[in-house]
Amino acid sequence: KPSNDIIEVDLHIGSLIDNINGLSSFDILQYQLGKFREVMNENLRNRGQKIVFIHGKGDGVLRAAIVKELKHSYKHCPFQDASFQEYGFGATQVTIK
């Protein structure tokens, strides 16, 4: 069901799981990327759907991983930095094509 509504997905680990005890930074990144892939795959048929992935600014590790994933696995989906006014430097907007 294509929608004009923008889907917002907060990929901050604290928004995804309650307890990160025992998780390495690699484990956390894999969990976040798993959520990214899940949302992308759920929406691949919704042409025109815009999805904003909120990844935060930090060291840019998650953003870089998302961009790499987009360039390799979702080549047909254009992406850009999301609205600076709304999200600052910490979000990427993807359009499903």
PDB file of N, CA and C in Angstrom:
ATOM      1  N   LYS A   1       0.833  -1.188   0.000  1.00  0.00           N
ATOM      2  CA  LYS A   1       0.000   0.000   0.000  1.00  0.00           C
ATOM      3  C   LYS A   1       0.869   1.240   0.000  1.00  0.00           C
ATOM      4  N   PRO A   2       1.100   1.831  -1.134  1.00  0.00           N
ATOM      5  CA  PRO A   2       1.908   3.044  -1.198  1.00  0.00           C
ATOM      6  C   PRO A   2       1.295   4.128  -0.329  1.00  0.00           C
ATOM      7  N   SER A   3       2.157   4.906   0.257  1.00  0.00           N
ATOM      8  CA  SER A   3       1.671   5.911   1.195  1.00  0.00           C
ATOM      9  C   SER A   3       2.477   7.188   1.035  1.00  0.00           C
ATOM     10  N   ASN A   4       1.823   8.298   1.250  1.00  0.00           N
ATOM     11  CA  ASN A   4       2.547   9.568   1.241  1.00  0.00           C
ATOM     12  C   ASN A   4       3.227   9.804   2.579  1.00  0.00           C
ATOM     13  N   ASP A   5       2.874   8.989   3.555  1.00  0.00           N
ATOM     14  CA  ASP A   5       3.474   9.145   4.871  1.00  0.00           C
ATOM     15  C   ASP A   5       4.906   8.626   4.832  1.00  0.00           C
ATOM     16  N   ILE A   6       5.786   9.374   5.460  1.00  0.00           N
ATOM     17  CA  ILE A   6       7.178   8.945   5.564  1.00  0.00           C
ATOM     18  C   ILE A   6       7.284   8.003   6.764  1.00  0.00           C
ATOM     19  N   ILE A   7       7.891   6.865   6.540  1.00  0.00           N
ATOM     20  CA  ILE A   7       8.137   5.931   7.641  1.00  0.00           C
ATOM     21  C   ILE A   7       9.432   6.363   8.327  1.00  0.00           C
ATOM     22  N   GLU A   8       9.386   6.494   9.638  1.00  0.00           N
ATOM     23  CA  GLU A   8      10.588   6.821  10.418  1.00  0.00           C
ATOM     24  C   GLU A   8      11.009   5.591  11.199  1.00  0.00           C
ATOM     25  N   VAL A   9      12.287   5.248  11.084  1.00  0.00           N
ATOM     26  CA  VAL A   9      12.812   4.097  11.811  1.00  0.00           C
ATOM     27  C   VAL A   9      14.022   4.559  12.616  1.00  0.00           C
ATOM     28  N   ASP A  10      13.887   4.530  13.940  1.00  0.00           N
ATOM     29  CA  ASP A  10      14.989   4.921  14.817  1.00  0.00           C
ATOM     30  C   ASP A  10      15.887   3.711  15.026  1.00  0.00           C
ATOM     31  N   LEU A  11      17.100   3.790  14.517  1.00  0.00           N
ATOM     32  CA  LEU A  11      18.037   2.670  14.626  1.00  0.00           C
ATOM     33  C   LEU A  11      18.968   2.792  15.831  1.00  0.00           C
ATOM     34  N   HIS A  12      18.742   3.772  16.702  1.00  0.00           N
ATOM     35  CA  HIS A  12      19.529   3.815  17.938  1.00  0.00           C
ATOM     36  C   HIS A  12      19.251   2.519  18.696  1.00  0.00           C
ATOM     37  N   ILE A  13      20.288   1.872  19.157  1.00  0.00           N
ATOM     38  CA  ILE A  13      20.117   0.544  19.757  1.00  0.00           C
ATOM     39  C   ILE A  13      19.173   0.591  20.961  1.00  0.00           C
ATOM     40  N   GLY A  14      19.176   1.673  21.703  1.00  0.00           N
ATOM     41  CA  GLY A  14      18.287   1.803  22.854  1.00  0.00           C
ATOM     42  C   GLY A  14      16.822   1.832  22.471  1.00  0.00           C
ATOM     43  N   SER A  15      16.531   2.171  21.221  1.00  0.00           N
ATOM     44  CA  SER A  15      15.153   2.169  20.733  1.00  0.00           C
ATOM     45  C   SER A  15      14.743   0.797  20.203  1.00  0.00           C
ATOM     46  N   LEU A  16      15.722  -0.059  19.952  1.00  0.00           N
ATOM     47  CA  LEU A  16      15.442  -1.369  19.351  1.00  0.00           C
ATOM     48  C   LEU A  16      15.352  -2.493  20.383  1.00  0.00           C
ATOM     49  N   ILE A  17      16.240  -2.452  21.374  1.00  0.00           N
ATOM     50  CA  ILE A  17      16.212  -3.492  22.408  1.00  0.00           C
ATOM     51  C   ILE A  17      16.433  -2.865  23.777  1.00  0.00           C
ATOM     52  N   ASP A  18      15.918  -3.544  24.787  1.00  0.00           N
ATOM     53  CA  ASP A  18      15.965  -2.999  26.146  1.00  0.00           C
ATOM     54  C   ASP A  18      17.320  -3.161  26.811  1.00  0.00           C
ATOM     55  N   ASN A  19      17.999  -4.275  26.545  1.00  0.00           N
ATOM     56  CA  ASN A  19      19.211  -4.572  27.291  1.00  0.00           C
ATOM     57  C   ASN A  19      20.327  -4.956  26.326  1.00  0.00           C
ATOM     58  N   ILE A  20      21.412  -4.199  26.371  1.00  0.00           N
ATOM     59  CA  ILE A  20      22.534  -4.496  25.473  1.00  0.00           C
ATOM     60  C   ILE A  20      23.702  -5.139  26.221  1.00  0.00           C
ATOM     61  N   ASN A  21      23.472  -5.531  27.482  1.00  0.00           N
ATOM     62  CA  ASN A  21      24.536  -6.181  28.245  1.00  0.00           C
ATOM     63  C   ASN A  21      25.049  -7.409  27.504  1.00  0.00           C
ATOM     64  N   GLY A  22      26.353  -7.503  27.388  1.00  0.00           N
ATOM     65  CA  GLY A  22      26.962  -8.661  26.743  1.00  0.00           C
ATOM     66  C   GLY A  22      27.086  -8.548  25.234  1.00  0.00           C
ATOM     67  N   LEU A  23      26.527  -7.497  24.651  1.00  0.00           N
ATOM     68  CA  LEU A  23      26.630  -7.329  23.203  1.00  0.00           C
ATOM     69  C   LEU A  23      27.871  -6.511  22.861  1.00  0.00           C
ATOM     70  N   SER A  24      28.627  -6.971  21.884  1.00  0.00           N
ATOM     71  CA  SER A  24      29.779  -6.197  21.413  1.00  0.00           C
ATOM     72  C   SER A  24      29.269  -5.121  20.459  1.00  0.00           C
ATOM     73  N   SER A  25      30.130  -4.179  20.143  1.00  0.00           N
ATOM     74  CA  SER A  25      29.722  -3.145  19.185  1.00  0.00           C
ATOM     75  C   SER A  25      29.424  -3.782  17.827  1.00  0.00           C
ATOM     76  N   PHE A  26      30.116  -4.870  17.484  1.00  0.00           N
ATOM     77  CA  PHE A  26      29.824  -5.586  16.239  1.00  0.00           C
ATOM     78  C   PHE A  26      28.413  -6.185  16.290  1.00  0.00           C
ATOM     79  N   ASP A  27      28.068  -6.818  17.420  1.00  0.00           N
ATOM     80  CA  ASP A  27      26.731  -7.404  17.585  1.00  0.00           C
ATOM     81  C   ASP A  27      25.651  -6.332  17.442  1.00  0.00           C
ATOM     82  N   ILE A  28      25.894  -5.192  18.057  1.00  0.00           N
ATOM     83  CA  ILE A  28      24.929  -4.096  18.016  1.00  0.00           C
ATOM     84  C   ILE A  28      24.742  -3.615  16.574  1.00  0.00           C
ATOM     85  N   LEU A  29      25.843  -3.426  15.863  1.00  0.00           N
ATOM     86  CA  LEU A  29      25.771  -2.980  14.462  1.00  0.00           C
ATOM     87  C   LEU A  29      25.000  -3.998  13.610  1.00  0.00           C
ATOM     88  N   GLN A  30      25.252  -5.280  13.824  1.00  0.00           N
ATOM     89  CA  GLN A  30      24.544  -6.310  13.067  1.00  0.00           C
ATOM     90  C   GLN A  30      23.052  -6.290  13.360  1.00  0.00           C
ATOM     91  N   TYR A  31      22.695  -6.045  14.612  1.00  0.00           N
ATOM     92  CA  TYR A  31      21.280  -5.963  14.985  1.00  0.00           C
ATOM     93  C   TYR A  31      20.616  -4.773  14.279  1.00  0.00           C
ATOM     94  N   GLN A  32      21.320  -3.625  14.306  1.00  0.00           N
ATOM     95  CA  GLN A  32      20.796  -2.418  13.658  1.00  0.00           C
ATOM     96  C   GLN A  32      20.647  -2.630  12.156  1.00  0.00           C
ATOM     97  N   LEU A  33      21.630  -3.238  11.520  1.00  0.00           N
ATOM     98  CA  LEU A  33      21.545  -3.503  10.081  1.00  0.00           C
ATOM     99  C   LEU A  33      20.442  -4.513   9.770  1.00  0.00           C
ATOM    100  N   GLY A  34      20.228  -5.454  10.657  1.00  0.00           N
ATOM    101  CA  GLY A  34      19.139  -6.402  10.489  1.00  0.00           C
ATOM    102  C   GLY A  34      17.796  -5.696  10.477  1.00  0.00           C
ATOM    103  N   LYS A  35      17.629  -4.744  11.374  1.00  0.00           N
ATOM    104  CA  LYS A  35      16.389  -3.964  11.415  1.00  0.00           C
ATOM    105  C   LYS A  35      16.248  -3.134  10.141  1.00  0.00           C
ATOM    106  N   PHE A  36      17.341  -2.527   9.689  1.00  0.00           N
ATOM    107  CA  PHE A  36      17.342  -1.758   8.437  1.00  0.00           C
ATOM    108  C   PHE A  36      16.863  -2.641   7.282  1.00  0.00           C
ATOM    109  N   ARG A  37      17.456  -3.831   7.139  1.00  0.00           N
ATOM    110  CA  ARG A  37      17.089  -4.751   6.051  1.00  0.00           C
ATOM    111  C   ARG A  37      15.628  -5.180   6.166  1.00  0.00           C
ATOM    112  N   GLU A  38      15.200  -5.459   7.367  1.00  0.00           N
ATOM    113  CA  GLU A  38      13.810  -5.884   7.598  1.00  0.00           C
ATOM    114  C   GLU A  38      12.830  -4.819   7.095  1.00  0.00           C
ATOM    115  N   VAL A  39      13.075  -3.564   7.454  1.00  0.00           N
ATOM    116  CA  VAL A  39      12.180  -2.477   7.032  1.00  0.00           C
ATOM    117  C   VAL A  39      12.260  -2.283   5.518  1.00  0.00           C
ATOM    118  N   MET A  40      13.462  -2.326   4.963  1.00  0.00           N
ATOM    119  CA  MET A  40      13.603  -2.178   3.514  1.00  0.00           C
ATOM    120  C   MET A  40      12.830  -3.282   2.795  1.00  0.00           C
ATOM    121  N   ASN A  41      13.034  -4.523   3.201  1.00  0.00           N
ATOM    122  CA  ASN A  41      12.409  -5.654   2.513  1.00  0.00           C
ATOM    123  C   ASN A  41      10.890  -5.644   2.661  1.00  0.00           C
ATOM    124  N   GLU A  42      10.392  -5.168   3.808  1.00  0.00           N
ATOM    125  CA  GLU A  42       8.948  -5.070   4.014  1.00  0.00           C
ATOM    126  C   GLU A  42       8.312  -4.051   3.069  1.00  0.00           C
ATOM    127  N   ASN A  43       9.099  -3.091   2.613  1.00  0.00           N
ATOM    128  CA  ASN A  43       8.543  -1.985   1.834  1.00  0.00           C
ATOM    129  C   ASN A  43       8.947  -1.976   0.368  1.00  0.00           C
ATOM    130  N   LEU A  44       9.664  -2.990  -0.097  1.00  0.00           N
ATOM    131  CA  LEU A  44      10.187  -2.976  -1.464  1.00  0.00           C
ATOM    132  C   LEU A  44       9.101  -2.892  -2.532  1.00  0.00           C
ATOM    133  N   ARG A  45       7.892  -3.313  -2.219  1.00  0.00           N
ATOM    134  CA  ARG A  45       6.807  -3.249  -3.211  1.00  0.00           C
ATOM    135  C   ARG A  45       6.067  -1.920  -3.183  1.00  0.00           C
ATOM    136  N   ASN A  46       6.365  -1.092  -2.214  1.00  0.00           N
ATOM    137  CA  ASN A  46       5.649   0.182  -2.042  1.00  0.00           C
ATOM    138  C   ASN A  46       6.382   1.305  -2.770  1.00  0.00           C
ATOM    139  N   ARG A  47       6.274   1.294  -4.091  1.00  0.00           N
ATOM    140  CA  ARG A  47       6.987   2.297  -4.895  1.00  0.00           C
ATOM    141  C   ARG A  47       6.624   3.714  -4.459  1.00  0.00           C
ATOM    142  N   GLY A  48       7.641   4.540  -4.332  1.00  0.00           N
ATOM    143  CA  GLY A  48       7.429   5.914  -3.926  1.00  0.00           C
ATOM    144  C   GLY A  48       7.489   6.115  -2.416  1.00  0.00           C
ATOM    145  N   GLN A  49       7.461   5.007  -1.666  1.00  0.00           N
ATOM    146  CA  GLN A  49       7.518   5.114  -0.208  1.00  0.00           C
ATOM    147  C   GLN A  49       8.846   5.723   0.207  1.00  0.00           C
ATOM    148  N   LYS A  50       8.773   6.693   1.098  1.00  0.00           N
ATOM    149  CA  LYS A  50       9.986   7.290   1.661  1.00  0.00           C
ATOM    150  C   LYS A  50      10.168   6.751   3.084  1.00  0.00           C
ATOM    151  N   ILE A  51      11.399   6.370   3.384  1.00  0.00           N
ATOM    152  CA  ILE A  51      11.724   5.849   4.705  1.00  0.00           C
ATOM    153  C   ILE A  51      12.909   6.646   5.234  1.00  0.00           C
ATOM    154  N   VAL A  52      12.770   7.168   6.437  1.00  0.00           N
ATOM    155  CA  VAL A  52      13.877   7.865   7.085  1.00  0.00           C
ATOM    156  C   VAL A  52      14.448   6.947   8.158  1.00  0.00           C
ATOM    157  N   PHE A  53      15.713   6.609   7.999  1.00  0.00           N
ATOM    158  CA  PHE A  53      16.427   5.814   8.998  1.00  0.00           C
ATOM    159  C   PHE A  53      17.225   6.767   9.871  1.00  0.00           C
ATOM    160  N   ILE A  54      16.868   6.820  11.134  1.00  0.00           N
ATOM    161  CA  ILE A  54      17.559   7.694  12.081  1.00  0.00           C
ATOM    162  C   ILE A  54      18.709   6.887  12.681  1.00  0.00           C
ATOM    163  N   HIS A  55      19.932   7.292  12.364  1.00  0.00           N
ATOM    164  CA  HIS A  55      21.097   6.542  12.816  1.00  0.00           C
ATOM    165  C   HIS A  55      21.963   7.346  13.769  1.00  0.00           C
ATOM    166  N   GLY A  56      21.681   8.622  13.906  1.00  0.00           N
ATOM    167  CA  GLY A  56      22.510   9.456  14.775  1.00  0.00           C
ATOM    168  C   GLY A  56      23.790   9.872  14.072  1.00  0.00           C
ATOM    169  N   LYS A  57      24.490  10.773  14.705  1.00  0.00           N
ATOM    170  CA  LYS A  57      25.699  11.313  14.110  1.00  0.00           C
ATOM    171  C   LYS A  57      26.901  10.470  14.513  1.00  0.00           C
ATOM    172  N   GLY A  58      27.178  10.397  15.768  1.00  0.00           N
ATOM    173  CA  GLY A  58      28.244   9.542  16.303  1.00  0.00           C
ATOM    174  C   GLY A  58      29.509   9.548  15.475  1.00  0.00           C
ATOM    175  N   ASP A  59      30.101   8.366  15.321  1.00  0.00           N
ATOM    176  CA  ASP A  59      31.324   8.210  14.531  1.00  0.00           C
ATOM    177  C   ASP A  59      31.031   7.899  13.071  1.00  0.00           C
ATOM    178  N   GLY A  60      29.750   7.741  12.724  1.00  0.00           N
ATOM    179  CA  GLY A  60      29.378   7.495  11.342  1.00  0.00           C
ATOM    180  C   GLY A  60      29.459   6.045  10.908  1.00  0.00           C
ATOM    181  N   VAL A  61      29.684   5.130  11.863  1.00  0.00           N
ATOM    182  CA  VAL A  61      29.834   3.715  11.521  1.00  0.00           C
ATOM    183  C   VAL A  61      28.527   3.158  10.973  1.00  0.00           C
ATOM    184  N   LEU A  62      27.412   3.408  11.657  1.00  0.00           N
ATOM    185  CA  LEU A  62      26.121   2.885  11.216  1.00  0.00           C
ATOM    186  C   LEU A  62      25.708   3.525   9.890  1.00  0.00           C
ATOM    187  N   ARG A  63      25.895   4.837   9.775  1.00  0.00           N
ATOM    188  CA  ARG A  63      25.551   5.512   8.517  1.00  0.00           C
ATOM    189  C   ARG A  63      26.342   4.918   7.356  1.00  0.00           C
ATOM    190  N   ALA A  64      27.638   4.715   7.553  1.00  0.00           N
ATOM    191  CA  ALA A  64      28.482   4.149   6.494  1.00  0.00           C
ATOM    192  C   ALA A  64      28.018   2.739   6.122  1.00  0.00           C
ATOM    193  N   ALA A  65      27.622   1.959   7.107  1.00  0.00           N
ATOM    194  CA  ALA A  65      27.153   0.594   6.852  1.00  0.00           C
ATOM    195  C   ALA A  65      25.839   0.623   6.075  1.00  0.00           C
ATOM    196  N   ILE A  66      24.966   1.565   6.402  1.00  0.00           N
ATOM    197  CA  ILE A  66      23.689   1.704   5.693  1.00  0.00           C
ATOM    198  C   ILE A  66      23.933   2.117   4.240  1.00  0.00           C
ATOM    199  N   VAL A  67      24.804   3.085   4.030  1.00  0.00           N
ATOM    200  CA  VAL A  67      25.113   3.544   2.669  1.00  0.00           C
ATOM    201  C   VAL A  67      25.701   2.392   1.853  1.00  0.00           C
ATOM    202  N   LYS A  68      26.591   1.627   2.453  1.00  0.00           N
ATOM    203  CA  LYS A  68      27.188   0.478   1.757  1.00  0.00           C
ATOM    204  C   LYS A  68      26.097  -0.525   1.373  1.00  0.00           C
ATOM    205  N   GLU A  69      25.210  -0.800   2.304  1.00  0.00           N
ATOM    206  CA  GLU A  69      24.103  -1.733   2.053  1.00  0.00           C
ATOM    207  C   GLU A  69      23.208  -1.221   0.921  1.00  0.00           C
ATOM    208  N   LEU A  70      22.901   0.075   0.944  1.00  0.00           N
ATOM    209  CA  LEU A  70      22.061   0.669  -0.097  1.00  0.00           C
ATOM    210  C   LEU A  70      22.730   0.560  -1.468  1.00  0.00           C
ATOM    211  N   LYS A  71      24.021   0.812  -1.526  1.00  0.00           N
ATOM    212  CA  LYS A  71      24.741   0.782  -2.805  1.00  0.00           C
ATOM    213  C   LYS A  71      24.878  -0.634  -3.359  1.00  0.00           C
ATOM    214  N   HIS A  72      24.884  -1.635  -2.479  1.00  0.00           N
ATOM    215  CA  HIS A  72      25.091  -3.007  -2.942  1.00  0.00           C
ATOM    216  C   HIS A  72      23.789  -3.796  -3.081  1.00  0.00           C
ATOM    217  N   SER A  73      22.925  -3.702  -2.102  1.00  0.00           N
ATOM    218  CA  SER A  73      21.729  -4.564  -2.087  1.00  0.00           C
ATOM    219  C   SER A  73      20.458  -3.869  -2.546  1.00  0.00           C
ATOM    220  N   TYR A  74      20.469  -2.542  -2.530  1.00  0.00           N
ATOM    221  CA  TYR A  74      19.257  -1.787  -2.885  1.00  0.00           C
ATOM    222  C   TYR A  74      19.612  -0.691  -3.889  1.00  0.00           C
ATOM    223  N   LYS A  75      20.341  -1.079  -4.934  1.00  0.00           N
ATOM    224  CA  LYS A  75      20.857  -0.111  -5.916  1.00  0.00           C
ATOM    225  C   LYS A  75      19.760   0.720  -6.561  1.00  0.00           C
ATOM    226  N   HIS A  76      18.576   0.150  -6.671  1.00  0.00           N
ATOM    227  CA  HIS A  76      17.464   0.830  -7.346  1.00  0.00           C
ATOM    228  C   HIS A  76      16.773   1.863  -6.452  1.00  0.00           C
ATOM    229  N   CYS A  77      17.162   1.950  -5.192  1.00  0.00           N
ATOM    230  CA  CYS A  77      16.511   2.881  -4.257  1.00  0.00           C
ATOM    231  C   CYS A  77      17.409   4.085  -3.988  1.00  0.00           C
ATOM    232  N   PRO A  78      17.031   5.258  -4.524  1.00  0.00           N
ATOM    233  CA  PRO A  78      17.843   6.447  -4.264  1.00  0.00           C
ATOM    234  C   PRO A  78      17.774   6.841  -2.786  1.00  0.00           C
ATOM    235  N   PHE A  79      18.854   7.456  -2.312  1.00  0.00           N
ATOM    236  CA  PHE A  79      18.888   7.897  -0.915  1.00  0.00           C
ATOM    237  C   PHE A  79      19.623   9.223  -0.808  1.00  0.00           C
ATOM    238  N   GLN A  80      19.365   9.894   0.282  1.00  0.00           N
ATOM    239  CA  GLN A  80      19.988  11.199   0.537  1.00  0.00           C
ATOM    240  C   GLN A  80      19.934  11.452   2.032  1.00  0.00           C
ATOM    241  N   ASP A  81      20.667  12.469   2.466  1.00  0.00           N
ATOM    242  CA  ASP A  81      20.540  12.873   3.854  1.00  0.00           C
ATOM    243  C   ASP A  81      19.106  13.344   4.069  1.00  0.00           C
ATOM    244  N   ALA A  82      18.528  12.956   5.191  1.00  0.00           N
ATOM    245  CA  ALA A  82      17.168  13.396   5.506  1.00  0.00           C
ATOM    246  C   ALA A  82      17.204  14.877   5.882  1.00  0.00           C
ATOM    247  N   SER A  83      16.032  15.478   6.011  1.00  0.00           N
ATOM    248  CA  SER A  83      15.913  16.899   6.329  1.00  0.00           C
ATOM    249  C   SER A  83      16.779  17.288   7.528  1.00  0.00           C
ATOM    250  N   PHE A  84      17.698  18.217   7.279  1.00  0.00           N
ATOM    251  CA  PHE A  84      18.566  18.682   8.358  1.00  0.00           C
ATOM    252  C   PHE A  84      17.753  19.354   9.453  1.00  0.00           C
ATOM    253  N   GLN A  85      16.729  20.110   9.057  1.00  0.00           N
ATOM    254  CA  GLN A  85      15.896  20.810  10.040  1.00  0.00           C
ATOM    255  C   GLN A  85      15.218  19.832  10.989  1.00  0.00           C
ATOM    256  N   GLU A  86      14.781  18.692  10.461  1.00  0.00           N
ATOM    257  CA  GLU A  86      14.082  17.715  11.293  1.00  0.00           C
ATOM    258  C   GLU A  86      15.023  16.779  12.032  1.00  0.00           C
ATOM    259  N   TYR A  87      16.118  16.366  11.382  1.00  0.00           N
ATOM    260  CA  TYR A  87      16.936  15.285  11.927  1.00  0.00           C
ATOM    261  C   TYR A  87      18.395  15.656  12.179  1.00  0.00           C
ATOM    262  N   GLY A  88      18.792  16.869  11.836  1.00  0.00           N
ATOM    263  CA  GLY A  88      20.204  17.202  11.964  1.00  0.00           C
ATOM    264  C   GLY A  88      21.009  16.369  10.986  1.00  0.00           C
ATOM    265  N   PHE A  89      22.209  15.966  11.392  1.00  0.00           N
ATOM    266  CA  PHE A  89      23.071  15.180  10.507  1.00  0.00           C
ATOM    267  C   PHE A  89      22.829  13.686  10.645  1.00  0.00           C
ATOM    268  N   GLY A  90      21.867  13.296  11.493  1.00  0.00           N
ATOM    269  CA  GLY A  90      21.798  11.897  11.885  1.00  0.00           C
ATOM    270  C   GLY A  90      20.774  11.029  11.233  1.00  0.00           C
ATOM    271  N   ALA A  91      20.375  11.304   9.983  1.00  0.00           N
ATOM    272  CA  ALA A  91      19.363  10.454   9.356  1.00  0.00           C
ATOM    273  C   ALA A  91      19.550  10.401   7.838  1.00  0.00           C
ATOM    274  N   THR A  92      19.131   9.280   7.261  1.00  0.00           N
ATOM    275  CA  THR A  92      19.206   9.044   5.821  1.00  0.00           C
ATOM    276  C   THR A  92      17.799   8.729   5.312  1.00  0.00           C
ATOM    277  N   GLN A  93      17.413   9.390   4.237  1.00  0.00           N
ATOM    278  CA  GLN A  93      16.100   9.136   3.636  1.00  0.00           C
ATOM    279  C   GLN A  93      16.273   8.279   2.383  1.00  0.00           C
ATOM    280  N   VAL A  94      15.490   7.203   2.316  1.00  0.00           N
ATOM    281  CA  VAL A  94      15.506   6.283   1.184  1.00  0.00           C
ATOM    282  C   VAL A  94      14.142   6.365   0.498  1.00  0.00           C
ATOM    283  N   THR A  95      14.149   6.344  -0.828  1.00  0.00           N
ATOM    284  CA  THR A  95      12.888   6.279  -1.597  1.00  0.00           C
ATOM    285  C   THR A  95      12.838   4.931  -2.301  1.00  0.00           C
ATOM    286  N   ILE A  96      11.757   4.195  -2.078  1.00  0.00           N
ATOM    287  CA  ILE A  96      11.587   2.897  -2.733  1.00  0.00           C
ATOM    288  C   ILE A  96      11.200   3.140  -4.197  1.00  0.00           C
ATOM    289  N   LYS A  97      11.916   2.517  -5.122  1.00  0.00           N
ATOM    290  CA  LYS A  97      11.617   2.653  -6.562  1.00  0.00           C
ATOM    291  C   LYS A  97      11.254   1.305  -7.143  1.00  0.00           C
TER     292      LYS A  97
END
